[in-house]
Amino acid sequence: MVGHRAGLLEVSIRVKPNDDEDLETFTARVEREQRKLEDAVRERALTALAAAEQP
């Protein structure tokens, strides 16, 4: 879910456990998905900054 309010970007993910997943495996998968989201947001922000600096 992505929302835009007052110049701020709010980003979240939902990760549901698989039927055969134990807590440790699920937690590791959630952490990977969170890192992927953070990387995507960081890359998008850098792309936007670079575009803003273009004459």
N, C-alpha and C. Protein backbone atom coordinates (compact mmCIF):
# COMPACT_ATOMS: atom_id res chain seq x y z
N MET A 1 0.85 -1.17 0.00
CA MET A 1 0.00 0.00 0.00
C MET A 1 0.89 1.23 0.00
N VAL A 2 0.59 2.16 -0.86
CA VAL A 2 1.37 3.39 -0.94
C VAL A 2 0.41 4.56 -0.82
N GLY A 3 0.73 5.48 0.05
CA GLY A 3 -0.09 6.68 0.20
C GLY A 3 0.79 7.91 0.16
N HIS A 4 0.22 9.02 -0.26
CA HIS A 4 0.98 10.26 -0.35
C HIS A 4 0.20 11.33 0.41
N ARG A 5 0.84 11.88 1.44
CA ARG A 5 0.20 12.89 2.25
C ARG A 5 1.19 13.98 2.62
N ALA A 6 0.86 15.19 2.34
CA ALA A 6 1.64 16.36 2.76
C ALA A 6 3.12 16.21 2.43
N GLY A 7 3.42 15.70 1.24
CA GLY A 7 4.80 15.58 0.83
C GLY A 7 5.53 14.38 1.40
N LEU A 8 4.87 13.58 2.20
CA LEU A 8 5.50 12.40 2.78
C LEU A 8 4.99 11.16 2.07
N LEU A 9 5.83 10.20 1.96
CA LEU A 9 5.45 8.94 1.32
C LEU A 9 5.36 7.87 2.39
N GLU A 10 4.25 7.20 2.45
CA GLU A 10 4.06 6.11 3.41
C GLU A 10 4.00 4.80 2.63
N VAL A 11 4.86 3.88 2.99
CA VAL A 11 4.95 2.62 2.27
C VAL A 11 4.86 1.49 3.29
N SER A 12 4.10 0.46 2.94
CA SER A 12 4.03 -0.70 3.81
C SER A 12 3.88 -1.96 2.97
N ILE A 13 4.16 -3.08 3.58
CA ILE A 13 3.99 -4.37 2.92
C ILE A 13 3.21 -5.29 3.84
N ARG A 14 2.61 -6.29 3.24
CA ARG A 14 1.96 -7.35 4.01
C ARG A 14 2.58 -8.66 3.57
N VAL A 15 3.02 -9.42 4.54
CA VAL A 15 3.60 -10.72 4.25
C VAL A 15 2.85 -11.74 5.10
N LYS A 16 2.20 -12.66 4.43
CA LYS A 16 1.45 -13.69 5.13
C LYS A 16 2.30 -14.95 5.24
N PRO A 17 2.21 -15.63 6.37
CA PRO A 17 2.99 -16.87 6.50
C PRO A 17 2.43 -17.96 5.59
N ASN A 18 3.34 -18.76 5.06
CA ASN A 18 2.93 -19.93 4.30
C ASN A 18 2.49 -21.00 5.28
N ASP A 19 1.65 -21.90 4.84
CA ASP A 19 1.12 -22.94 5.72
C ASP A 19 2.20 -23.78 6.38
N ASP A 20 3.28 -24.05 5.66
CA ASP A 20 4.32 -24.95 6.17
C ASP A 20 5.52 -24.22 6.78
N GLU A 21 5.40 -22.91 7.02
CA GLU A 21 6.52 -22.11 7.53
C GLU A 21 6.54 -22.08 9.05
N ASP A 22 7.73 -22.26 9.60
CA ASP A 22 7.87 -22.05 11.04
C ASP A 22 8.17 -20.56 11.28
N LEU A 23 8.16 -20.16 12.52
CA LEU A 23 8.33 -18.74 12.86
C LEU A 23 9.67 -18.19 12.38
N GLU A 24 10.73 -18.96 12.53
CA GLU A 24 12.06 -18.50 12.14
C GLU A 24 12.13 -18.25 10.62
N THR A 25 11.59 -19.16 9.84
CA THR A 25 11.60 -19.02 8.39
C THR A 25 10.75 -17.84 7.95
N PHE A 26 9.59 -17.70 8.57
CA PHE A 26 8.70 -16.59 8.25
C PHE A 26 9.36 -15.26 8.59
N THR A 27 9.96 -15.18 9.75
CA THR A 27 10.62 -13.94 10.17
C THR A 27 11.74 -13.57 9.21
N ALA A 28 12.52 -14.55 8.79
CA ALA A 28 13.61 -14.29 7.84
C ALA A 28 13.04 -13.79 6.51
N ARG A 29 11.96 -14.37 6.07
CA ARG A 29 11.35 -13.94 4.80
C ARG A 29 10.79 -12.53 4.91
N VAL A 30 10.17 -12.21 6.03
CA VAL A 30 9.65 -10.86 6.26
C VAL A 30 10.79 -9.85 6.25
N GLU A 31 11.89 -10.19 6.91
CA GLU A 31 13.04 -9.28 6.94
C GLU A 31 13.61 -9.06 5.53
N ARG A 32 13.66 -10.10 4.71
CA ARG A 32 14.13 -9.95 3.32
C ARG A 32 13.20 -9.03 2.53
N GLU A 33 11.91 -9.24 2.68
CA GLU A 33 10.94 -8.40 1.96
C GLU A 33 11.05 -6.94 2.42
N GLN A 34 11.26 -6.72 3.71
CA GLN A 34 11.41 -5.37 4.24
C GLN A 34 12.64 -4.69 3.65
N ARG A 35 13.75 -5.44 3.57
CA ARG A 35 14.97 -4.88 2.98
C ARG A 35 14.76 -4.54 1.51
N LYS A 36 14.08 -5.41 0.78
CA LYS A 36 13.80 -5.14 -0.63
C LYS A 36 12.96 -3.87 -0.78
N LEU A 37 11.98 -3.69 0.09
CA LEU A 37 11.15 -2.49 0.04
C LEU A 37 11.98 -1.25 0.35
N GLU A 38 12.80 -1.32 1.39
CA GLU A 38 13.65 -0.18 1.75
C GLU A 38 14.61 0.16 0.62
N ASP A 39 15.18 -0.85 -0.02
CA ASP A 39 16.09 -0.61 -1.15
C ASP A 39 15.35 0.07 -2.31
N ALA A 40 14.15 -0.39 -2.60
CA ALA A 40 13.37 0.19 -3.69
C ALA A 40 13.02 1.65 -3.40
N VAL A 41 12.64 1.93 -2.17
CA VAL A 41 12.31 3.31 -1.79
C VAL A 41 13.56 4.19 -1.87
N ARG A 42 14.67 3.68 -1.38
CA ARG A 42 15.93 4.44 -1.43
C ARG A 42 16.33 4.72 -2.88
N GLU A 43 16.23 3.70 -3.74
CA GLU A 43 16.57 3.89 -5.15
C GLU A 43 15.64 4.89 -5.81
N ARG A 44 14.37 4.81 -5.50
CA ARG A 44 13.39 5.76 -6.08
C ARG A 44 13.69 7.18 -5.63
N ALA A 45 14.05 7.34 -4.36
CA ALA A 45 14.37 8.67 -3.84
C ALA A 45 15.61 9.23 -4.54
N LEU A 46 16.62 8.39 -4.74
CA LEU A 46 17.83 8.85 -5.41
C LEU A 46 17.54 9.21 -6.86
N THR A 47 16.70 8.43 -7.51
CA THR A 47 16.32 8.72 -8.90
C THR A 47 15.58 10.05 -8.97
N ALA A 48 14.68 10.27 -8.02
CA ALA A 48 13.93 11.52 -8.00
C ALA A 48 14.86 12.70 -7.73
N LEU A 49 15.81 12.53 -6.85
CA LEU A 49 16.77 13.61 -6.57
C LEU A 49 17.61 13.92 -7.80
N ALA A 50 18.08 12.88 -8.46
CA ALA A 50 18.89 13.09 -9.66
C ALA A 50 18.08 13.80 -10.75
N ALA A 51 16.82 13.43 -10.90
CA ALA A 51 15.97 14.06 -11.90
C ALA A 51 15.73 15.53 -11.56
N ALA A 52 15.60 15.82 -10.27
CA ALA A 52 15.35 17.19 -9.85
C ALA A 52 16.57 18.08 -10.09
N GLU A 53 17.75 17.48 -10.09
CA GLU A 53 18.97 18.25 -10.30
C GLU A 53 19.26 18.54 -11.77
N GLN A 54 18.54 17.88 -12.68
CA GLN A 54 18.74 18.10 -14.12
C GLN A 54 18.22 19.46 -14.52
N PRO A 55 18.98 20.18 -15.36
CA PRO A 55 18.54 21.53 -15.78
C PRO A 55 17.34 21.48 -16.70
